[in-house]
Amino acid sequence: MIRAANTGVTCFINQFGRITQILQDDTGSTFTEGVLAGEIKVPTEPELTFYARHGEVFAKACTAITLISILVLFGVRGWKRA
């Protein structure tokens, strides 16, 4: 990932979220004008993300847990009345 900003840090970030290069002046300040050159790797066959592989599995799990909780709640209340 490349991040270029007028009012912040200009840098290169690798696939693990670590900054690999950063634009700084001689004093170490990131608020400087300049050019940061580097190489980036563009994947030719990108790996599928969890969402692309499994879809809305998180939303379906949340729905299932909610429905089960509602059924248990009404089941316990009905059992106590009987």
PDB file of N, CA and C in Angstrom:
ATOM      1  N   MET A   1       0.849  -1.162   0.000  1.00  0.00           N
ATOM      2  CA  MET A   1       0.000   0.000   0.000  1.00  0.00           C
ATOM      3  C   MET A   1       0.898   1.228   0.000  1.00  0.00           C
ATOM      4  N   ILE A   2       0.480   2.225  -0.701  1.00  0.00           N
ATOM      5  CA  ILE A   2       1.211   3.486  -0.724  1.00  0.00           C
ATOM      6  C   ILE A   2       0.301   4.543  -0.123  1.00  0.00           C
ATOM      7  N   ARG A   3       0.845   5.324   0.802  1.00  0.00           N
ATOM      8  CA  ARG A   3       0.072   6.398   1.418  1.00  0.00           C
ATOM      9  C   ARG A   3       0.793   7.694   1.140  1.00  0.00           C
ATOM     10  N   ALA A   4       0.109   8.599   0.450  1.00  0.00           N
ATOM     11  CA  ALA A   4       0.655   9.921   0.185  1.00  0.00           C
ATOM     12  C   ALA A   4      -0.324  10.952   0.738  1.00  0.00           C
ATOM     13  N   ALA A   5       0.193  11.917   1.497  1.00  0.00           N
ATOM     14  CA  ALA A   5      -0.692  12.874   2.148  1.00  0.00           C
ATOM     15  C   ALA A   5      -0.079  14.266   2.141  1.00  0.00           C
ATOM     16  N   ASN A   6      -0.944  15.269   2.064  1.00  0.00           N
ATOM     17  CA  ASN A   6      -0.493  16.656   2.149  1.00  0.00           C
ATOM     18  C   ASN A   6      -0.162  17.033   3.584  1.00  0.00           C
ATOM     19  N   THR A   7      -0.895  16.471   4.529  1.00  0.00           N
ATOM     20  CA  THR A   7      -0.759  16.885   5.920  1.00  0.00           C
ATOM     21  C   THR A   7      -0.449  15.720   6.841  1.00  0.00           C
ATOM     22  N   GLY A   8       0.265  14.738   6.355  1.00  0.00           N
ATOM     23  CA  GLY A   8       0.553  13.597   7.210  1.00  0.00           C
ATOM     24  C   GLY A   8       1.753  12.831   6.722  1.00  0.00           C
ATOM     25  N   VAL A   9       1.756  11.562   6.962  1.00  0.00           N
ATOM     26  CA  VAL A   9       2.898  10.708   6.666  1.00  0.00           C
ATOM     27  C   VAL A   9       2.774  10.156   5.250  1.00  0.00           C
ATOM     28  N   THR A  10       3.848  10.273   4.488  1.00  0.00           N
ATOM     29  CA  THR A  10       3.952   9.633   3.188  1.00  0.00           C
ATOM     30  C   THR A  10       4.835   8.411   3.378  1.00  0.00           C
ATOM     31  N   CYS A  11       4.300   7.226   3.032  1.00  0.00           N
ATOM     32  CA  CYS A  11       5.043   6.013   3.329  1.00  0.00           C
ATOM     33  C   CYS A  11       4.600   4.849   2.458  1.00  0.00           C
ATOM     34  N   PHE A  12       5.368   3.758   2.549  1.00  0.00           N
ATOM     35  CA  PHE A  12       5.016   2.481   1.950  1.00  0.00           C
ATOM     36  C   PHE A  12       4.702   1.521   3.098  1.00  0.00           C
ATOM     37  N   ILE A  13       3.633   0.758   2.948  1.00  0.00           N
ATOM     38  CA  ILE A  13       3.211  -0.185   3.979  1.00  0.00           C
ATOM     39  C   ILE A  13       3.121  -1.568   3.338  1.00  0.00           C
ATOM     40  N   ASN A  14       3.728  -2.586   3.979  1.00  0.00           N
ATOM     41  CA  ASN A  14       3.712  -3.927   3.396  1.00  0.00           C
ATOM     42  C   ASN A  14       2.401  -4.654   3.710  1.00  0.00           C
ATOM     43  N   GLN A  15       2.291  -5.902   3.259  1.00  0.00           N
ATOM     44  CA  GLN A  15       1.061  -6.662   3.415  1.00  0.00           C
ATOM     45  C   GLN A  15       0.752  -7.020   4.858  1.00  0.00           C
ATOM     46  N   PHE A  16       1.715  -6.863   5.759  1.00  0.00           N
ATOM     47  CA  PHE A  16       1.496  -7.145   7.169  1.00  0.00           C
ATOM     48  C   PHE A  16       1.156  -5.890   7.968  1.00  0.00           C
ATOM     49  N   GLY A  17       1.059  -4.734   7.291  1.00  0.00           N
ATOM     50  CA  GLY A  17       0.715  -3.485   7.950  1.00  0.00           C
ATOM     51  C   GLY A  17       1.896  -2.749   8.549  1.00  0.00           C
ATOM     52  N   ARG A  18       3.095  -3.168   8.193  1.00  0.00           N
ATOM     53  CA  ARG A  18       4.294  -2.510   8.727  1.00  0.00           C
ATOM     54  C   ARG A  18       4.810  -1.486   7.721  1.00  0.00           C
ATOM     55  N   ILE A  19       5.246  -0.348   8.230  1.00  0.00           N
ATOM     56  CA  ILE A  19       5.809   0.698   7.370  1.00  0.00           C
ATOM     57  C   ILE A  19       7.209   0.275   6.945  1.00  0.00           C
ATOM     58  N   THR A  20       7.442   0.237   5.636  1.00  0.00           N
ATOM     59  CA  THR A  20       8.750  -0.176   5.125  1.00  0.00           C
ATOM     60  C   THR A  20       9.613   1.012   4.719  1.00  0.00           C
ATOM     61  N   GLN A  21       8.989   2.076   4.269  1.00  0.00           N
ATOM     62  CA  GLN A  21       9.706   3.313   3.936  1.00  0.00           C
ATOM     63  C   GLN A  21       8.845   4.486   4.360  1.00  0.00           C
ATOM     64  N   ILE A  22       9.511   5.558   4.795  1.00  0.00           N
ATOM     65  CA  ILE A  22       8.779   6.747   5.238  1.00  0.00           C
ATOM     66  C   ILE A  22       9.542   7.989   4.786  1.00  0.00           C
ATOM     67  N   LEU A  23       8.800   8.992   4.367  1.00  0.00           N
ATOM     68  CA  LEU A  23       9.417  10.252   3.927  1.00  0.00           C
ATOM     69  C   LEU A  23       9.619  11.158   5.137  1.00  0.00           C
ATOM     70  N   GLN A  24      10.901  11.483   5.421  1.00  0.00           N
ATOM     71  CA  GLN A  24      11.242  12.365   6.535  1.00  0.00           C
ATOM     72  C   GLN A  24      12.334  13.328   6.090  1.00  0.00           C
ATOM     73  N   ASP A  25      12.409  14.482   6.782  1.00  0.00           N
ATOM     74  CA  ASP A  25      13.509  15.405   6.503  1.00  0.00           C
ATOM     75  C   ASP A  25      14.692  15.054   7.409  1.00  0.00           C
ATOM     76  N   ASP A  26      15.731  15.897   7.412  1.00  0.00           N
ATOM     77  CA  ASP A  26      16.942  15.623   8.185  1.00  0.00           C
ATOM     78  C   ASP A  26      16.708  15.588   9.695  1.00  0.00           C
ATOM     79  N   THR A  27      15.680  16.307  10.154  1.00  0.00           N
ATOM     80  CA  THR A  27      15.400  16.343  11.591  1.00  0.00           C
ATOM     81  C   THR A  27      14.471  15.205  12.017  1.00  0.00           C
ATOM     82  N   GLY A  28      13.960  14.425  11.077  1.00  0.00           N
ATOM     83  CA  GLY A  28      13.059  13.329  11.383  1.00  0.00           C
ATOM     84  C   GLY A  28      11.590  13.689  11.295  1.00  0.00           C
ATOM     85  N   SER A  29      11.297  14.903  10.878  1.00  0.00           N
ATOM     86  CA  SER A  29       9.911  15.347  10.760  1.00  0.00           C
ATOM     87  C   SER A  29       9.281  14.744   9.506  1.00  0.00           C
ATOM     88  N   THR A  30       8.032  14.320   9.624  1.00  0.00           N
ATOM     89  CA  THR A  30       7.323  13.779   8.466  1.00  0.00           C
ATOM     90  C   THR A  30       6.570  14.864   7.702  1.00  0.00           C
ATOM     91  N   PHE A  31       6.546  16.074   8.242  1.00  0.00           N
ATOM     92  CA  PHE A  31       5.874  17.190   7.576  1.00  0.00           C
ATOM     93  C   PHE A  31       6.882  17.924   6.706  1.00  0.00           C
ATOM     94  N   THR A  32       7.202  17.325   5.567  1.00  0.00           N
ATOM     95  CA  THR A  32       8.196  17.886   4.670  1.00  0.00           C
ATOM     96  C   THR A  32       7.776  17.654   3.236  1.00  0.00           C
ATOM     97  N   GLU A  33       8.296  18.474   2.345  1.00  0.00           N
ATOM     98  CA  GLU A  33       8.056  18.266   0.925  1.00  0.00           C
ATOM     99  C   GLU A  33       9.116  17.311   0.401  1.00  0.00           C
ATOM    100  N   GLY A  34       8.726  16.469  -0.537  1.00  0.00           N
ATOM    101  CA  GLY A  34       9.703  15.563  -1.096  1.00  0.00           C
ATOM    102  C   GLY A  34       9.061  14.464  -1.907  1.00  0.00           C
ATOM    103  N   VAL A  35       9.916  13.579  -2.359  1.00  0.00           N
ATOM    104  CA  VAL A  35       9.484  12.448  -3.162  1.00  0.00           C
ATOM    105  C   VAL A  35      10.003  11.182  -2.507  1.00  0.00           C
ATOM    106  N   LEU A  36       9.162  10.190  -2.421  1.00  0.00           N
ATOM    107  CA  LEU A  36       9.547   8.899  -1.880  1.00  0.00           C
ATOM    108  C   LEU A  36       9.402   7.873  -2.997  1.00  0.00           C
ATOM    109  N   ALA A  37      10.502   7.275  -3.388  1.00  0.00           N
ATOM    110  CA  ALA A  37      10.484   6.285  -4.469  1.00  0.00           C
ATOM    111  C   ALA A  37      10.692   4.898  -3.889  1.00  0.00           C
ATOM    112  N   GLY A  38      10.003   3.941  -4.458  1.00  0.00           N
ATOM    113  CA  GLY A  38      10.135   2.568  -3.995  1.00  0.00           C
ATOM    114  C   GLY A  38       9.449   1.623  -4.953  1.00  0.00           C
ATOM    115  N   GLU A  39       9.581   0.346  -4.669  1.00  0.00           N
ATOM    116  CA  GLU A  39       8.956  -0.680  -5.505  1.00  0.00           C
ATOM    117  C   GLU A  39       7.831  -1.342  -4.724  1.00  0.00           C
ATOM    118  N   ILE A  40       6.771  -1.652  -5.447  1.00  0.00           N
ATOM    119  CA  ILE A  40       5.673  -2.387  -4.847  1.00  0.00           C
ATOM    120  C   ILE A  40       5.445  -3.649  -5.662  1.00  0.00           C
ATOM    121  N   LYS A  41       4.976  -4.691  -4.982  1.00  0.00           N
ATOM    122  CA  LYS A  41       4.673  -5.947  -5.655  1.00  0.00           C
ATOM    123  C   LYS A  41       3.179  -5.992  -5.929  1.00  0.00           C
ATOM    124  N   VAL A  42       2.834  -6.161  -7.185  1.00  0.00           N
ATOM    125  CA  VAL A  42       1.435  -6.279  -7.570  1.00  0.00           C
ATOM    126  C   VAL A  42       1.166  -7.753  -7.833  1.00  0.00           C
ATOM    127  N   PRO A  43       0.312  -8.379  -7.045  1.00  0.00           N
ATOM    128  CA  PRO A  43       0.068  -9.810  -7.242  1.00  0.00           C
ATOM    129  C   PRO A  43      -0.640 -10.073  -8.570  1.00  0.00           C
ATOM    130  N   THR A  44      -0.154 -11.071  -9.292  1.00  0.00           N
ATOM    131  CA  THR A  44      -0.792 -11.420 -10.561  1.00  0.00           C
ATOM    132  C   THR A  44      -2.008 -12.304 -10.331  1.00  0.00           C
ATOM    133  N   GLU A  45      -1.971 -13.131  -9.285  1.00  0.00           N
ATOM    134  CA  GLU A  45      -3.113 -13.960  -8.904  1.00  0.00           C
ATOM    135  C   GLU A  45      -3.416 -13.695  -7.432  1.00  0.00           C
ATOM    136  N   PRO A  46      -4.255 -12.693  -7.153  1.00  0.00           N
ATOM    137  CA  PRO A  46      -4.501 -12.336  -5.753  1.00  0.00           C
ATOM    138  C   PRO A  46      -5.198 -13.462  -4.998  1.00  0.00           C
ATOM    139  N   GLU A  47      -4.837 -13.611  -3.727  1.00  0.00           N
ATOM    140  CA  GLU A  47      -5.448 -14.608  -2.854  1.00  0.00           C
ATOM    141  C   GLU A  47      -6.828 -14.108  -2.441  1.00  0.00           C
ATOM    142  N   LEU A  48      -7.795 -15.009  -2.429  1.00  0.00           N
ATOM    143  CA  LEU A  48      -9.144 -14.628  -2.032  1.00  0.00           C
ATOM    144  C   LEU A  48      -9.196 -14.316  -0.539  1.00  0.00           C
ATOM    145  N   THR A  49      -9.957 -13.303  -0.194  1.00  0.00           N
ATOM    146  CA  THR A  49     -10.130 -12.946   1.209  1.00  0.00           C
ATOM    147  C   THR A  49     -11.124 -13.907   1.864  1.00  0.00           C
ATOM    148  N   PHE A  50     -11.194 -13.860   3.185  1.00  0.00           N
ATOM    149  CA  PHE A  50     -12.140 -14.690   3.929  1.00  0.00           C
ATOM    150  C   PHE A  50     -13.563 -14.413   3.469  1.00  0.00           C
ATOM    151  N   TYR A  51     -13.894 -13.134   3.269  1.00  0.00           N
ATOM    152  CA  TYR A  51     -15.249 -12.762   2.853  1.00  0.00           C
ATOM    153  C   TYR A  51     -15.553 -13.295   1.457  1.00  0.00           C
ATOM    154  N   ALA A  52     -14.584 -13.213   0.548  1.00  0.00           N
ATOM    155  CA  ALA A  52     -14.811 -13.716  -0.813  1.00  0.00           C
ATOM    156  C   ALA A  52     -15.007 -15.233  -0.816  1.00  0.00           C
ATOM    157  N   ARG A  53     -14.338 -15.937   0.088  1.00  0.00           N
ATOM    158  CA  ARG A  53     -14.469 -17.392   0.154  1.00  0.00           C
ATOM    159  C   ARG A  53     -15.743 -17.839   0.858  1.00  0.00           C
ATOM    160  N   HIS A  54     -16.124 -17.155   1.949  1.00  0.00           N
ATOM    161  CA  HIS A  54     -17.217 -17.639   2.786  1.00  0.00           C
ATOM    162  C   HIS A  54     -18.459 -16.753   2.784  1.00  0.00           C
ATOM    163  N   GLY A  55     -18.378 -15.573   2.258  1.00  0.00           N
ATOM    164  CA  GLY A  55     -19.547 -14.691   2.180  1.00  0.00           C
ATOM    165  C   GLY A  55     -19.997 -14.171   3.527  1.00  0.00           C
ATOM    166  N   GLU A  56     -21.296 -14.137   3.715  1.00  0.00           N
ATOM    167  CA  GLU A  56     -21.907 -13.540   4.906  1.00  0.00           C
ATOM    168  C   GLU A  56     -21.993 -14.515   6.080  1.00  0.00           C
ATOM    169  N   VAL A  57     -20.950 -15.298   6.315  1.00  0.00           N
ATOM    170  CA  VAL A  57     -20.990 -16.298   7.384  1.00  0.00           C
ATOM    171  C   VAL A  57     -21.116 -15.633   8.761  1.00  0.00           C
ATOM    172  N   PHE A  58     -20.500 -14.498   8.976  1.00  0.00           N
ATOM    173  CA  PHE A  58     -20.591 -13.805  10.263  1.00  0.00           C
ATOM    174  C   PHE A  58     -22.022 -13.325  10.517  1.00  0.00           C
ATOM    175  N   ALA A  59     -22.644 -12.736   9.505  1.00  0.00           N
ATOM    176  CA  ALA A  59     -24.020 -12.251   9.660  1.00  0.00           C
ATOM    177  C   ALA A  59     -24.975 -13.414   9.891  1.00  0.00           C
ATOM    178  N   LYS A  60     -24.763 -14.519   9.190  1.00  0.00           N
ATOM    179  CA  LYS A  60     -25.618 -15.692   9.377  1.00  0.00           C
ATOM    180  C   LYS A  60     -25.444 -16.283  10.774  1.00  0.00           C
ATOM    181  N   ALA A  61     -24.221 -16.307  11.272  1.00  0.00           N
ATOM    182  CA  ALA A  61     -23.964 -16.819  12.626  1.00  0.00           C
ATOM    183  C   ALA A  61     -24.635 -15.928  13.668  1.00  0.00           C
ATOM    184  N   CYS A  62     -24.541 -14.615  13.489  1.00  0.00           N
ATOM    185  CA  CYS A  62     -25.192 -13.687  14.430  1.00  0.00           C
ATOM    186  C   CYS A  62     -26.703 -13.874  14.415  1.00  0.00           C
ATOM    187  N   THR A  63     -27.280 -14.062  13.232  1.00  0.00           N
ATOM    188  CA  THR A  63     -28.720 -14.290  13.119  1.00  0.00           C
ATOM    189  C   THR A  63     -29.119 -15.578  13.816  1.00  0.00           C
ATOM    190  N   ALA A  64     -28.346 -16.644  13.594  1.00  0.00           N
ATOM    191  CA  ALA A  64     -28.647 -17.930  14.219  1.00  0.00           C
ATOM    192  C   ALA A  64     -28.562 -17.841  15.739  1.00  0.00           C
ATOM    193  N   ILE A  65     -27.539 -17.187  16.255  1.00  0.00           N
ATOM    194  CA  ILE A  65     -27.385 -17.037  17.707  1.00  0.00           C
ATOM    195  C   ILE A  65     -28.539 -16.232  18.293  1.00  0.00           C
ATOM    196  N   THR A  66     -28.949 -15.180  17.595  1.00  0.00           N
ATOM    197  CA  THR A  66     -30.071 -14.360  18.061  1.00  0.00           C
ATOM    198  C   THR A  66     -31.358 -15.164  18.095  1.00  0.00           C
ATOM    199  N   LEU A  67     -31.632 -15.913  17.021  1.00  0.00           N
ATOM    200  CA  LEU A  67     -32.856 -16.715  16.980  1.00  0.00           C
ATOM    201  C   LEU A  67     -32.865 -17.796  18.053  1.00  0.00           C
ATOM    202  N   ILE A  68     -31.736 -18.449  18.244  1.00  0.00           N
ATOM    203  CA  ILE A  68     -31.644 -19.465  19.296  1.00  0.00           C
ATOM    204  C   ILE A  68     -31.854 -18.840  20.671  1.00  0.00           C
ATOM    205  N   SER A  69     -31.270 -17.664  20.896  1.00  0.00           N
ATOM    206  CA  SER A  69     -31.446 -16.967  22.181  1.00  0.00           C
ATOM    207  C   SER A  69     -32.904 -16.615  22.422  1.00  0.00           C
ATOM    208  N   ILE A  70     -33.597 -16.156  21.394  1.00  0.00           N
ATOM    209  CA  ILE A  70     -35.020 -15.807  21.529  1.00  0.00           C
ATOM    210  C   ILE A  70     -35.835 -17.053  21.835  1.00  0.00           C
ATOM    211  N   LEU A  71     -35.562 -18.135  21.121  1.00  0.00           N
ATOM    212  CA  LEU A  71     -36.290 -19.379  21.365  1.00  0.00           C
ATOM    213  C   LEU A  71     -36.046 -19.899  22.778  1.00  0.00           C
ATOM    214  N   VAL A  72     -34.817 -19.842  23.226  1.00  0.00           N
ATOM    215  CA  VAL A  72     -34.500 -20.289  24.586  1.00  0.00           C
ATOM    216  C   VAL A  72     -35.192 -19.396  25.608  1.00  0.00           C
ATOM    217  N   LEU A  73     -35.161 -18.086  25.388  1.00  0.00           N
ATOM    218  CA  LEU A  73     -35.809 -17.151  26.319  1.00  0.00           C
ATOM    219  C   LEU A  73     -37.296 -17.439  26.437  1.00  0.00           C
ATOM    220  N   PHE A  74     -37.993 -17.594  25.305  1.00  0.00           N
ATOM    221  CA  PHE A  74     -39.431 -17.886  25.358  1.00  0.00           C
ATOM    222  C   PHE A  74     -39.679 -19.285  25.891  1.00  0.00           C
ATOM    223  N   GLY A  75     -38.786 -20.225  25.623  1.00  0.00           N
ATOM    224  CA  GLY A  75     -38.928 -21.577  26.153  1.00  0.00           C
ATOM    225  C   GLY A  75     -38.802 -21.605  27.667  1.00  0.00           C
ATOM    226  N   VAL A  76     -37.860 -20.859  28.208  1.00  0.00           N
ATOM    227  CA  VAL A  76     -37.665 -20.799  29.668  1.00  0.00           C
ATOM    228  C   VAL A  76     -38.847 -20.107  30.323  1.00  0.00           C
ATOM    229  N   ARG A  77     -39.339 -19.048  29.730  1.00  0.00           N
ATOM    230  CA  ARG A  77     -40.501 -18.343  30.309  1.00  0.00           C
ATOM    231  C   ARG A  77     -41.738 -19.231  30.270  1.00  0.00           C
ATOM    232  N   GLY A  78     -41.940 -19.955  29.169  1.00  0.00           N
ATOM    233  CA  GLY A  78     -43.092 -20.854  29.062  1.00  0.00           C
ATOM    234  C   GLY A  78     -42.972 -22.016  30.024  1.00  0.00           C
ATOM    235  N   TRP A  79     -41.773 -22.503  30.251  1.00  0.00           N
ATOM    236  CA  TRP A  79     -41.546 -23.623  31.158  1.00  0.00           C
ATOM    237  C   TRP A  79     -41.806 -23.205  32.598  1.00  0.00           C
ATOM    238  N   LYS A  80     -41.435 -21.959  32.962  1.00  0.00           N
ATOM    239  CA  LYS A  80     -41.657 -21.472  34.324  1.00  0.00           C
ATOM    240  C   LYS A  80     -43.147 -21.285  34.602  1.00  0.00           C
ATOM    241  N   ARG A  81     -43.948 -20.911  33.616  1.00  0.00           N
ATOM    242  CA  ARG A  81     -45.384 -20.696  33.796  1.00  0.00           C
ATOM    243  C   ARG A  81     -46.127 -22.016  33.979  1.00  0.00           C
ATOM    244  N   ALA A  82     -45.610 -23.057  33.385  1.00  0.00           N
ATOM    245  CA  ALA A  82     -46.333 -24.351  33.427  1.00  0.00           C
ATOM    246  C   ALA A  82     -46.201 -25.066  34.729  1.00  0.00           C
TER     247      ALA A  82
END
